[in-house]
């Protein structure tokens, strides 16, 4: 979304800035390697209002994630995590439900009620179901096996939808993003999508 720690040359904020000819403010960020719906604001005031809405749990964020192991059918993970790397732990809540299974893997839908660094990834690892393709919290042997068998060569995390009230008008907004081919193809080959 932005240059971040890795100092990437091409990032969403710069691409949108070039397209619109004006500065944009990242509101909903995606982890490097994830895909999906993004929210960018055109003004600092709108970005601030949306950040406050995220903190207050008024922004619905739904993700698809392929994880190791067969998860329980559904659950709530209420486990504090740092807001930023090395910071103090703060409340964080993620709900999930299992959509399908393939061998030793589960496709889950996760809905976050807070906006913490790597929240979905950390929470699913916390319940012993790390994401496939996650170099920080996952297991490389599972990532390697699914890359070799199905061509899944990415973080198996996709932000399917964001829903919130427009910061100026209060009108409901729903942003959705289709699952991209580099994730949809491998999931379909496993019989998990659509």
N, C-alpha and C. Protein backbone atom coordinates (compact mmCIF):
# COMPACT_ATOMS: atom_id res chain seq x y z
N UNK A 1 0.83 -1.19 0.00
CA UNK A 1 0.00 0.00 0.00
C UNK A 1 0.88 1.25 0.00
N UNK A 2 1.91 1.27 0.84
CA UNK A 2 2.86 2.38 0.88
C UNK A 2 4.26 1.80 1.03
N UNK A 3 5.27 2.62 0.97
CA UNK A 3 6.65 2.13 0.94
C UNK A 3 6.98 1.25 2.14
N UNK A 4 6.54 1.57 3.30
CA UNK A 4 6.73 0.70 4.46
C UNK A 4 8.18 0.37 4.73
N UNK A 5 8.36 -0.77 5.40
CA UNK A 5 9.69 -1.18 5.83
C UNK A 5 10.58 -1.59 4.66
N UNK A 6 10.01 -2.15 3.61
CA UNK A 6 10.82 -2.68 2.52
C UNK A 6 11.22 -1.61 1.51
N UNK A 7 10.61 -0.44 1.56
CA UNK A 7 10.96 0.62 0.62
C UNK A 7 10.66 0.25 -0.82
N UNK A 8 9.53 -0.42 -1.07
CA UNK A 8 9.17 -0.82 -2.43
C UNK A 8 9.12 0.37 -3.38
N UNK A 9 9.47 0.14 -4.63
CA UNK A 9 9.43 1.20 -5.63
C UNK A 9 8.01 1.51 -6.08
N UNK A 10 7.20 0.47 -6.28
CA UNK A 10 5.84 0.66 -6.78
C UNK A 10 4.85 0.30 -5.68
N UNK A 11 4.06 1.28 -5.25
CA UNK A 11 3.09 1.06 -4.18
C UNK A 11 1.76 1.69 -4.57
N UNK A 12 0.67 1.20 -3.98
CA UNK A 12 -0.68 1.65 -4.33
C UNK A 12 -0.86 3.15 -4.15
N UNK A 13 -0.37 3.70 -3.04
CA UNK A 13 -0.56 5.13 -2.79
C UNK A 13 0.05 5.96 -3.92
N UNK A 14 1.24 5.60 -4.37
CA UNK A 14 1.89 6.34 -5.46
C UNK A 14 1.16 6.16 -6.78
N UNK A 15 0.69 4.96 -7.06
CA UNK A 15 -0.03 4.71 -8.31
C UNK A 15 -1.34 5.51 -8.36
N UNK A 16 -2.07 5.53 -7.25
CA UNK A 16 -3.32 6.28 -7.21
C UNK A 16 -3.04 7.78 -7.28
N UNK A 17 -1.99 8.24 -6.59
CA UNK A 17 -1.60 9.64 -6.65
C UNK A 17 -1.32 10.06 -8.09
N UNK A 18 -0.58 9.23 -8.82
CA UNK A 18 -0.26 9.53 -10.21
C UNK A 18 -1.52 9.54 -11.07
N UNK A 19 -2.44 8.65 -10.81
CA UNK A 19 -3.67 8.57 -11.60
C UNK A 19 -4.59 9.75 -11.33
N UNK A 20 -4.73 10.14 -10.07
CA UNK A 20 -5.65 11.22 -9.71
C UNK A 20 -4.99 12.60 -9.76
N UNK A 21 -3.66 12.62 -9.67
CA UNK A 21 -2.97 13.90 -9.64
C UNK A 21 -3.10 14.60 -8.30
N UNK A 22 -3.38 13.84 -7.26
CA UNK A 22 -3.48 14.43 -5.91
C UNK A 22 -3.09 13.41 -4.87
N UNK A 23 -2.72 13.90 -3.71
CA UNK A 23 -2.28 13.05 -2.61
C UNK A 23 -3.46 12.23 -2.09
N UNK A 24 -3.19 10.98 -1.70
CA UNK A 24 -4.20 10.14 -1.06
C UNK A 24 -3.63 9.59 0.24
N UNK A 25 -4.53 9.28 1.16
CA UNK A 25 -4.15 8.81 2.49
C UNK A 25 -4.58 7.36 2.66
N UNK A 26 -3.65 6.47 2.99
CA UNK A 26 -4.05 5.07 3.19
C UNK A 26 -4.89 4.93 4.46
N UNK A 27 -6.00 4.23 4.34
CA UNK A 27 -6.88 4.01 5.48
C UNK A 27 -6.85 2.54 5.88
N UNK A 28 -7.14 1.67 4.94
CA UNK A 28 -7.10 0.22 5.17
C UNK A 28 -5.90 -0.31 4.42
N UNK A 29 -4.93 -0.83 5.13
CA UNK A 29 -3.72 -1.34 4.49
C UNK A 29 -3.82 -2.85 4.33
N UNK A 30 -3.07 -3.36 3.38
CA UNK A 30 -2.95 -4.80 3.20
C UNK A 30 -1.51 -5.21 3.46
N UNK A 31 -1.35 -6.38 4.02
CA UNK A 31 0.00 -6.91 4.22
C UNK A 31 0.64 -7.16 2.86
N UNK A 32 1.95 -7.02 2.79
CA UNK A 32 2.69 -7.33 1.56
C UNK A 32 2.38 -8.78 1.18
N UNK A 33 2.02 -8.99 -0.06
CA UNK A 33 1.69 -10.33 -0.54
C UNK A 33 0.22 -10.65 -0.48
N UNK A 34 -0.56 -9.85 0.26
CA UNK A 34 -2.02 -10.05 0.30
C UNK A 34 -2.63 -9.28 -0.87
N UNK A 35 -3.88 -9.56 -1.15
CA UNK A 35 -4.61 -8.86 -2.20
C UNK A 35 -5.95 -8.45 -1.65
N UNK A 36 -6.69 -7.64 -2.43
CA UNK A 36 -8.04 -7.33 -2.03
C UNK A 36 -8.41 -5.88 -1.99
N UNK A 37 -9.54 -5.63 -1.34
CA UNK A 37 -10.12 -4.29 -1.25
C UNK A 37 -9.25 -3.38 -0.40
N UNK A 38 -9.08 -2.16 -0.89
CA UNK A 38 -8.31 -1.13 -0.20
C UNK A 38 -9.18 0.09 -0.01
N UNK A 39 -8.95 0.86 1.03
CA UNK A 39 -9.61 2.14 1.19
C UNK A 39 -8.55 3.22 1.32
N UNK A 40 -8.65 4.22 0.46
CA UNK A 40 -7.76 5.38 0.50
C UNK A 40 -8.66 6.61 0.62
N UNK A 41 -8.23 7.59 1.39
CA UNK A 41 -9.01 8.81 1.56
C UNK A 41 -8.36 9.95 0.78
N UNK A 42 -9.19 10.90 0.37
CA UNK A 42 -8.69 12.05 -0.37
C UNK A 42 -8.28 13.22 0.53
N UNK A 43 -8.72 13.19 1.78
CA UNK A 43 -8.36 14.27 2.71
C UNK A 43 -7.88 13.67 4.03
N UNK A 44 -7.10 14.46 4.73
CA UNK A 44 -6.61 14.02 6.04
C UNK A 44 -7.78 13.86 7.01
N UNK A 45 -8.78 14.73 6.91
CA UNK A 45 -9.95 14.63 7.80
C UNK A 45 -10.71 13.34 7.56
N UNK A 46 -10.90 12.97 6.30
CA UNK A 46 -11.61 11.72 6.00
C UNK A 46 -10.79 10.52 6.48
N UNK A 47 -9.49 10.56 6.29
CA UNK A 47 -8.63 9.46 6.76
C UNK A 47 -8.71 9.33 8.27
N UNK A 48 -8.68 10.46 8.98
CA UNK A 48 -8.76 10.45 10.44
C UNK A 48 -10.10 9.86 10.89
N UNK A 49 -11.19 10.27 10.24
CA UNK A 49 -12.52 9.76 10.60
C UNK A 49 -12.61 8.26 10.36
N UNK A 50 -12.04 7.79 9.27
CA UNK A 50 -12.09 6.35 8.98
C UNK A 50 -11.18 5.57 9.93
N UNK A 51 -10.04 6.11 10.30
CA UNK A 51 -9.18 5.44 11.29
C UNK A 51 -9.91 5.33 12.63
N UNK A 52 -10.62 6.38 12.99
CA UNK A 52 -11.41 6.34 14.23
C UNK A 52 -12.51 5.29 14.14
N UNK A 53 -13.14 5.19 12.98
CA UNK A 53 -14.19 4.18 12.78
C UNK A 53 -13.61 2.77 12.89
N UNK A 54 -12.42 2.56 12.34
CA UNK A 54 -11.76 1.25 12.46
C UNK A 54 -11.47 0.95 13.92
N UNK A 55 -10.91 1.92 14.64
CA UNK A 55 -10.59 1.72 16.06
C UNK A 55 -11.84 1.40 16.87
N UNK A 56 -12.97 2.02 16.50
CA UNK A 56 -14.22 1.81 17.24
C UNK A 56 -14.97 0.57 16.78
N UNK A 57 -14.42 -0.15 15.78
CA UNK A 57 -15.07 -1.37 15.31
C UNK A 57 -16.26 -1.13 14.40
N UNK A 58 -16.30 0.05 13.76
CA UNK A 58 -17.42 0.37 12.87
C UNK A 58 -17.10 0.10 11.39
N UNK A 59 -15.99 -0.54 11.13
CA UNK A 59 -15.63 -0.92 9.76
C UNK A 59 -15.57 -2.43 9.71
N UNK A 60 -16.38 -3.02 8.83
CA UNK A 60 -16.36 -4.48 8.67
C UNK A 60 -15.30 -4.82 7.63
N UNK A 61 -14.40 -5.73 8.00
CA UNK A 61 -13.33 -6.17 7.11
C UNK A 61 -13.39 -7.69 7.03
N UNK A 62 -13.67 -8.20 5.83
CA UNK A 62 -13.76 -9.65 5.65
C UNK A 62 -12.63 -10.13 4.75
N UNK A 63 -12.02 -11.25 5.15
CA UNK A 63 -10.88 -11.81 4.44
C UNK A 63 -11.13 -13.29 4.15
N UNK A 64 -10.51 -13.78 3.08
CA UNK A 64 -10.40 -15.21 2.83
C UNK A 64 -8.96 -15.60 3.14
N UNK A 65 -8.80 -16.73 3.80
CA UNK A 65 -7.45 -17.18 4.14
C UNK A 65 -7.40 -18.70 4.04
N UNK A 66 -6.33 -19.20 3.43
CA UNK A 66 -6.07 -20.64 3.40
C UNK A 66 -5.07 -20.92 4.50
N UNK A 67 -5.44 -21.81 5.42
CA UNK A 67 -4.61 -22.07 6.59
C UNK A 67 -4.28 -23.55 6.73
N UNK A 68 -3.23 -23.82 7.50
CA UNK A 68 -2.83 -25.19 7.79
C UNK A 68 -3.77 -25.76 8.84
N UNK A 69 -4.16 -26.99 8.65
CA UNK A 69 -5.00 -27.68 9.62
C UNK A 69 -6.48 -27.49 9.37
N UNK A 70 -7.26 -28.36 9.98
CA UNK A 70 -8.72 -28.25 9.89
C UNK A 70 -9.17 -27.45 11.11
N UNK A 71 -9.66 -26.26 10.84
CA UNK A 71 -10.08 -25.36 11.92
C UNK A 71 -11.41 -25.83 12.50
N UNK A 72 -11.74 -25.37 13.70
CA UNK A 72 -13.12 -25.55 14.17
C UNK A 72 -14.07 -24.88 13.17
N UNK A 73 -15.32 -25.25 13.21
CA UNK A 73 -16.29 -24.71 12.26
C UNK A 73 -16.35 -23.18 12.31
N UNK A 74 -16.27 -22.61 13.50
CA UNK A 74 -16.25 -21.16 13.65
C UNK A 74 -15.69 -20.83 15.02
N UNK A 75 -15.37 -19.57 15.21
CA UNK A 75 -14.86 -19.16 16.51
C UNK A 75 -14.55 -17.68 16.56
N UNK A 76 -14.23 -17.22 17.74
CA UNK A 76 -13.83 -15.84 17.98
C UNK A 76 -12.46 -15.88 18.66
N UNK A 77 -11.53 -15.15 18.10
CA UNK A 77 -10.19 -15.05 18.67
C UNK A 77 -10.09 -13.67 19.31
N UNK A 78 -10.04 -13.65 20.62
CA UNK A 78 -9.93 -12.40 21.38
C UNK A 78 -8.58 -12.45 22.08
N UNK A 79 -7.58 -11.92 21.40
CA UNK A 79 -6.19 -12.03 21.88
C UNK A 79 -5.45 -10.74 21.57
N UNK A 80 -4.96 -10.04 22.59
CA UNK A 80 -4.25 -8.78 22.36
C UNK A 80 -2.98 -9.00 21.53
N UNK A 81 -2.73 -8.06 20.63
CA UNK A 81 -1.51 -8.07 19.83
C UNK A 81 -0.98 -6.64 19.73
N UNK A 82 0.29 -6.47 19.40
CA UNK A 82 0.83 -5.10 19.28
C UNK A 82 0.18 -4.34 18.13
N UNK A 83 -0.08 -3.07 18.35
CA UNK A 83 -0.60 -2.20 17.29
C UNK A 83 0.46 -2.03 16.20
N UNK A 84 1.72 -2.00 16.64
CA UNK A 84 2.85 -1.93 15.70
C UNK A 84 3.98 -2.77 16.26
N UNK A 85 4.89 -3.16 15.41
CA UNK A 85 5.99 -4.05 15.79
C UNK A 85 6.72 -3.50 17.02
N UNK A 86 6.82 -4.32 18.08
CA UNK A 86 7.53 -3.95 19.29
C UNK A 86 6.74 -3.10 20.26
N UNK A 87 5.50 -2.73 19.89
CA UNK A 87 4.68 -1.88 20.76
C UNK A 87 3.95 -2.69 21.80
N UNK A 88 3.22 -2.00 22.68
CA UNK A 88 2.45 -2.71 23.71
C UNK A 88 1.27 -3.45 23.08
N UNK A 89 0.86 -4.51 23.74
CA UNK A 89 -0.29 -5.28 23.24
C UNK A 89 -1.58 -4.51 23.52
N UNK A 90 -2.47 -4.54 22.53
CA UNK A 90 -3.76 -3.87 22.64
C UNK A 90 -4.86 -4.86 22.25
N UNK A 91 -6.10 -4.61 22.65
CA UNK A 91 -7.18 -5.55 22.32
C UNK A 91 -7.31 -5.78 20.81
N UNK A 92 -7.59 -7.02 20.45
CA UNK A 92 -7.78 -7.38 19.04
C UNK A 92 -8.75 -8.56 19.00
N UNK A 93 -9.75 -8.48 18.12
CA UNK A 93 -10.77 -9.52 18.01
C UNK A 93 -10.98 -9.88 16.54
N UNK A 94 -10.94 -11.17 16.25
CA UNK A 94 -11.20 -11.70 14.91
C UNK A 94 -12.20 -12.84 15.04
N UNK A 95 -13.26 -12.79 14.23
CA UNK A 95 -14.19 -13.91 14.11
C UNK A 95 -13.81 -14.69 12.86
N UNK A 96 -14.02 -15.99 12.88
CA UNK A 96 -13.75 -16.76 11.67
C UNK A 96 -14.79 -17.87 11.54
N UNK A 97 -14.94 -18.31 10.30
CA UNK A 97 -15.76 -19.50 10.04
C UNK A 97 -15.10 -20.29 8.92
N UNK A 98 -15.12 -21.59 9.08
CA UNK A 98 -14.53 -22.47 8.07
C UNK A 98 -15.49 -22.59 6.91
N UNK A 99 -14.99 -22.37 5.69
CA UNK A 99 -15.81 -22.47 4.49
C UNK A 99 -15.68 -23.84 3.83
N UNK A 100 -14.46 -24.40 3.86
CA UNK A 100 -14.21 -25.68 3.20
C UNK A 100 -12.88 -26.24 3.69
N UNK A 101 -12.69 -27.54 3.43
CA UNK A 101 -11.41 -28.16 3.76
C UNK A 101 -10.88 -28.94 2.57
N UNK A 102 -9.57 -29.08 2.55
CA UNK A 102 -8.86 -29.89 1.56
C UNK A 102 -7.70 -30.54 2.29
N UNK A 103 -7.72 -31.86 2.36
CA UNK A 103 -6.68 -32.59 3.07
C UNK A 103 -6.46 -31.98 4.45
N UNK A 104 -5.25 -31.46 4.69
CA UNK A 104 -4.93 -30.89 6.01
C UNK A 104 -5.07 -29.37 6.05
N UNK A 105 -5.89 -28.80 5.19
CA UNK A 105 -5.98 -27.35 5.06
C UNK A 105 -7.44 -26.90 5.12
N UNK A 106 -7.63 -25.65 5.55
CA UNK A 106 -8.96 -25.06 5.63
C UNK A 106 -8.98 -23.72 4.94
N UNK A 107 -10.06 -23.46 4.24
CA UNK A 107 -10.33 -22.13 3.71
C UNK A 107 -11.28 -21.48 4.71
N UNK A 108 -10.87 -20.34 5.26
CA UNK A 108 -11.70 -19.67 6.26
C UNK A 108 -12.02 -18.25 5.82
N UNK A 109 -13.14 -17.76 6.32
CA UNK A 109 -13.48 -16.35 6.19
C UNK A 109 -13.23 -15.74 7.57
N UNK A 110 -12.44 -14.69 7.60
CA UNK A 110 -12.12 -14.01 8.86
C UNK A 110 -12.66 -12.59 8.80
N UNK A 111 -13.29 -12.17 9.88
CA UNK A 111 -13.80 -10.80 10.00
C UNK A 111 -13.12 -10.16 11.20
N UNK A 112 -12.43 -9.05 10.95
CA UNK A 112 -11.73 -8.38 12.05
C UNK A 112 -12.59 -7.26 12.61
N UNK A 113 -12.53 -7.09 13.91
CA UNK A 113 -13.27 -6.03 14.58
C UNK A 113 -12.34 -4.92 15.06
N UNK A 114 -11.06 -5.10 14.84
CA UNK A 114 -10.05 -4.12 15.17
C UNK A 114 -9.06 -4.09 14.00
N UNK A 115 -8.18 -3.13 13.98
CA UNK A 115 -7.22 -3.01 12.88
C UNK A 115 -5.81 -3.05 13.41
N UNK A 116 -5.27 -4.22 13.59
CA UNK A 116 -3.93 -4.37 14.15
C UNK A 116 -2.97 -4.93 13.10
N UNK A 117 -1.69 -4.66 13.32
CA UNK A 117 -0.65 -5.14 12.42
C UNK A 117 -0.69 -6.66 12.31
N UNK A 118 -0.86 -7.16 11.08
CA UNK A 118 -0.88 -8.60 10.80
C UNK A 118 -1.95 -9.34 11.62
N UNK A 119 -3.07 -8.69 11.91
CA UNK A 119 -4.05 -9.27 12.83
C UNK A 119 -4.54 -10.64 12.41
N UNK A 120 -5.01 -10.79 11.18
CA UNK A 120 -5.55 -12.09 10.74
C UNK A 120 -4.45 -13.14 10.82
N UNK A 121 -3.28 -12.80 10.33
CA UNK A 121 -2.17 -13.75 10.33
C UNK A 121 -1.78 -14.15 11.75
N UNK A 122 -1.65 -13.19 12.65
CA UNK A 122 -1.26 -13.49 14.03
C UNK A 122 -2.34 -14.27 14.76
N UNK A 123 -3.60 -13.88 14.56
CA UNK A 123 -4.67 -14.57 15.27
C UNK A 123 -4.83 -16.01 14.81
N UNK A 124 -4.76 -16.26 13.51
CA UNK A 124 -4.89 -17.64 13.05
C UNK A 124 -3.71 -18.48 13.49
N UNK A 125 -2.53 -17.90 13.54
CA UNK A 125 -1.38 -18.63 14.09
C UNK A 125 -1.59 -18.90 15.58
N UNK A 126 -2.18 -17.94 16.28
CA UNK A 126 -2.42 -18.09 17.72
C UNK A 126 -3.27 -19.32 18.03
N UNK A 127 -4.20 -19.67 17.10
CA UNK A 127 -5.02 -20.87 17.31
C UNK A 127 -4.44 -22.07 16.55
N UNK A 128 -3.15 -21.98 16.21
CA UNK A 128 -2.40 -23.07 15.56
C UNK A 128 -2.87 -23.39 14.15
N UNK A 129 -3.32 -22.35 13.41
CA UNK A 129 -3.73 -22.51 12.01
C UNK A 129 -3.10 -21.38 11.18
N UNK A 130 -1.76 -21.41 11.02
CA UNK A 130 -1.10 -20.32 10.28
C UNK A 130 -1.45 -20.32 8.80
N UNK A 131 -1.37 -19.14 8.20
CA UNK A 131 -1.67 -18.98 6.78
C UNK A 131 -0.61 -19.65 5.91
N UNK A 132 -1.05 -20.16 4.80
CA UNK A 132 -0.14 -20.70 3.79
C UNK A 132 0.53 -19.50 3.10
N UNK A 133 1.82 -19.62 2.88
CA UNK A 133 2.57 -18.56 2.21
C UNK A 133 3.07 -17.48 3.15
N UNK A 134 2.87 -17.65 4.44
CA UNK A 134 3.26 -16.64 5.41
C UNK A 134 4.66 -16.93 5.94
N UNK A 135 5.63 -16.16 5.47
CA UNK A 135 7.02 -16.38 5.88
C UNK A 135 7.25 -16.02 7.34
N UNK A 136 6.46 -15.11 7.90
CA UNK A 136 6.66 -14.69 9.29
C UNK A 136 6.02 -15.64 10.29
N UNK A 137 4.80 -16.09 10.03
CA UNK A 137 4.05 -16.84 11.03
C UNK A 137 3.68 -18.25 10.58
N UNK A 138 4.01 -18.62 9.35
CA UNK A 138 3.60 -19.91 8.82
C UNK A 138 4.70 -20.95 8.85
N UNK A 139 4.47 -22.03 8.12
CA UNK A 139 5.43 -23.14 8.04
C UNK A 139 5.85 -23.30 6.58
N UNK A 140 7.15 -23.20 6.33
CA UNK A 140 7.65 -23.21 4.96
C UNK A 140 7.39 -24.53 4.24
N UNK A 141 7.36 -25.65 4.97
CA UNK A 141 7.15 -26.92 4.27
C UNK A 141 5.75 -27.01 3.66
N UNK A 142 4.75 -26.42 4.30
CA UNK A 142 3.39 -26.42 3.74
C UNK A 142 3.30 -25.46 2.56
N UNK A 143 3.93 -24.30 2.70
CA UNK A 143 3.96 -23.33 1.61
C UNK A 143 4.62 -23.95 0.38
N UNK A 144 5.75 -24.60 0.60
CA UNK A 144 6.49 -25.23 -0.50
C UNK A 144 5.67 -26.34 -1.16
N UNK A 145 5.02 -27.17 -0.36
CA UNK A 145 4.23 -28.28 -0.90
C UNK A 145 3.08 -27.78 -1.77
N UNK A 146 2.37 -26.76 -1.32
CA UNK A 146 1.24 -26.26 -2.10
C UNK A 146 1.70 -25.46 -3.32
N UNK A 147 2.87 -24.86 -3.25
CA UNK A 147 3.43 -24.19 -4.43
C UNK A 147 3.77 -25.23 -5.50
N UNK A 148 4.40 -26.33 -5.08
CA UNK A 148 4.79 -27.37 -6.03
C UNK A 148 3.57 -28.09 -6.61
N UNK A 149 2.57 -28.39 -5.80
CA UNK A 149 1.40 -29.14 -6.27
C UNK A 149 0.40 -28.29 -7.04
N UNK A 150 0.19 -27.03 -6.60
CA UNK A 150 -0.91 -26.24 -7.15
C UNK A 150 -0.50 -24.86 -7.67
N UNK A 151 0.77 -24.54 -7.61
CA UNK A 151 1.23 -23.25 -8.10
C UNK A 151 0.86 -22.08 -7.20
N UNK A 152 0.56 -22.34 -5.94
CA UNK A 152 0.21 -21.27 -5.01
C UNK A 152 1.50 -20.61 -4.51
N UNK A 153 1.87 -19.51 -5.14
CA UNK A 153 3.16 -18.88 -4.87
C UNK A 153 2.97 -17.50 -4.26
N UNK A 154 2.07 -17.39 -3.28
CA UNK A 154 1.78 -16.10 -2.66
C UNK A 154 1.21 -16.31 -1.27
N UNK A 155 1.09 -15.24 -0.54
CA UNK A 155 0.40 -15.27 0.74
C UNK A 155 -1.07 -15.56 0.46
N UNK A 156 -1.62 -16.56 1.11
CA UNK A 156 -3.01 -16.98 0.85
C UNK A 156 -3.98 -16.17 1.70
N UNK A 157 -3.97 -14.85 1.48
CA UNK A 157 -4.82 -13.93 2.22
C UNK A 157 -5.37 -12.89 1.25
N UNK A 158 -6.70 -12.72 1.26
CA UNK A 158 -7.37 -11.79 0.35
C UNK A 158 -8.45 -11.03 1.10
N UNK A 159 -8.41 -9.70 1.03
CA UNK A 159 -9.45 -8.86 1.64
C UNK A 159 -10.65 -8.82 0.69
N UNK A 160 -11.66 -9.61 0.99
CA UNK A 160 -12.83 -9.75 0.12
C UNK A 160 -13.68 -8.50 0.14
N UNK A 161 -13.89 -7.90 1.33
CA UNK A 161 -14.84 -6.79 1.42
C UNK A 161 -14.52 -5.87 2.58
N UNK A 162 -14.85 -4.61 2.37
CA UNK A 162 -14.82 -3.58 3.42
C UNK A 162 -16.19 -2.91 3.40
N UNK A 163 -16.74 -2.63 4.56
CA UNK A 163 -18.01 -1.92 4.64
C UNK A 163 -17.93 -0.90 5.77
N UNK A 164 -18.36 0.33 5.47
CA UNK A 164 -18.31 1.40 6.46
C UNK A 164 -19.19 2.55 6.00
N UNK A 165 -19.42 3.49 6.88
CA UNK A 165 -20.17 4.68 6.54
C UNK A 165 -19.22 5.71 5.94
N UNK A 166 -19.66 6.38 4.87
CA UNK A 166 -18.85 7.43 4.25
C UNK A 166 -18.55 8.48 5.32
N UNK A 167 -17.30 8.92 5.44
CA UNK A 167 -16.94 9.82 6.54
C UNK A 167 -17.62 11.20 6.47
N UNK A 168 -18.05 11.64 5.30
CA UNK A 168 -18.69 12.95 5.19
C UNK A 168 -20.21 12.86 5.18
N UNK A 169 -20.74 11.88 4.44
CA UNK A 169 -22.20 11.82 4.26
C UNK A 169 -22.89 10.81 5.16
N UNK A 170 -22.13 9.84 5.66
CA UNK A 170 -22.73 8.78 6.47
C UNK A 170 -23.38 7.68 5.64
N UNK A 171 -23.38 7.83 4.32
CA UNK A 171 -23.97 6.81 3.45
C UNK A 171 -23.19 5.52 3.55
N UNK A 172 -23.88 4.37 3.56
CA UNK A 172 -23.14 3.10 3.63
C UNK A 172 -22.34 2.85 2.36
N UNK A 173 -21.11 2.41 2.54
CA UNK A 173 -20.23 2.04 1.43
C UNK A 173 -19.83 0.59 1.59
N UNK A 174 -19.83 -0.14 0.50
CA UNK A 174 -19.38 -1.53 0.51
C UNK A 174 -18.38 -1.69 -0.64
N UNK A 175 -17.15 -2.03 -0.31
CA UNK A 175 -16.10 -2.25 -1.30
C UNK A 175 -15.83 -3.74 -1.36
N UNK A 176 -15.78 -4.28 -2.56
CA UNK A 176 -15.47 -5.70 -2.72
C UNK A 176 -14.36 -5.86 -3.75
N UNK A 177 -13.66 -6.97 -3.64
CA UNK A 177 -12.59 -7.28 -4.59
C UNK A 177 -12.66 -8.76 -4.94
N UNK A 178 -12.75 -9.09 -6.23
CA UNK A 178 -12.76 -10.51 -6.60
C UNK A 178 -11.42 -11.16 -6.26
N UNK A 179 -11.48 -12.45 -6.01
CA UNK A 179 -10.26 -13.20 -5.71
C UNK A 179 -9.44 -13.28 -7.01
N UNK A 180 -8.17 -12.86 -6.97
CA UNK A 180 -7.36 -12.84 -8.19
C UNK A 180 -6.98 -14.24 -8.64
N UNK A 181 -6.66 -14.38 -9.93
CA UNK A 181 -6.34 -15.70 -10.50
C UNK A 181 -5.21 -16.44 -9.79
N UNK A 182 -4.19 -15.72 -9.28
CA UNK A 182 -3.07 -16.42 -8.65
C UNK A 182 -3.45 -17.07 -7.32
N UNK A 183 -4.63 -16.73 -6.79
CA UNK A 183 -5.15 -17.39 -5.60
C UNK A 183 -6.36 -18.26 -5.97
N UNK A 184 -7.24 -17.72 -6.81
CA UNK A 184 -8.45 -18.47 -7.20
C UNK A 184 -8.10 -19.77 -7.93
N UNK A 185 -7.09 -19.74 -8.80
CA UNK A 185 -6.70 -20.94 -9.55
C UNK A 185 -6.26 -22.08 -8.65
N UNK A 186 -5.28 -21.85 -7.77
CA UNK A 186 -4.88 -22.91 -6.84
C UNK A 186 -6.02 -23.38 -5.94
N UNK A 187 -6.85 -22.44 -5.44
CA UNK A 187 -7.97 -22.84 -4.59
C UNK A 187 -8.96 -23.72 -5.36
N UNK A 188 -9.20 -23.36 -6.62
CA UNK A 188 -10.10 -24.18 -7.45
C UNK A 188 -9.51 -25.55 -7.70
N UNK A 189 -8.21 -25.64 -7.90
CA UNK A 189 -7.55 -26.93 -8.12
C UNK A 189 -7.66 -27.82 -6.88
N UNK A 190 -7.79 -27.21 -5.72
CA UNK A 190 -7.97 -27.97 -4.47
C UNK A 190 -9.44 -28.24 -4.18
N UNK A 191 -10.33 -27.73 -5.06
CA UNK A 191 -11.76 -27.92 -4.84
C UNK A 191 -12.33 -26.98 -3.78
N UNK A 192 -11.64 -25.89 -3.50
CA UNK A 192 -12.07 -24.96 -2.46
C UNK A 192 -12.74 -23.71 -3.00
N UNK A 193 -12.65 -23.47 -4.29
CA UNK A 193 -13.16 -22.22 -4.87
C UNK A 193 -13.64 -22.44 -6.27
N UNK A 194 -14.68 -21.83 -6.74
CA UNK A 194 -15.79 -21.26 -5.98
C UNK A 194 -16.72 -22.33 -5.49
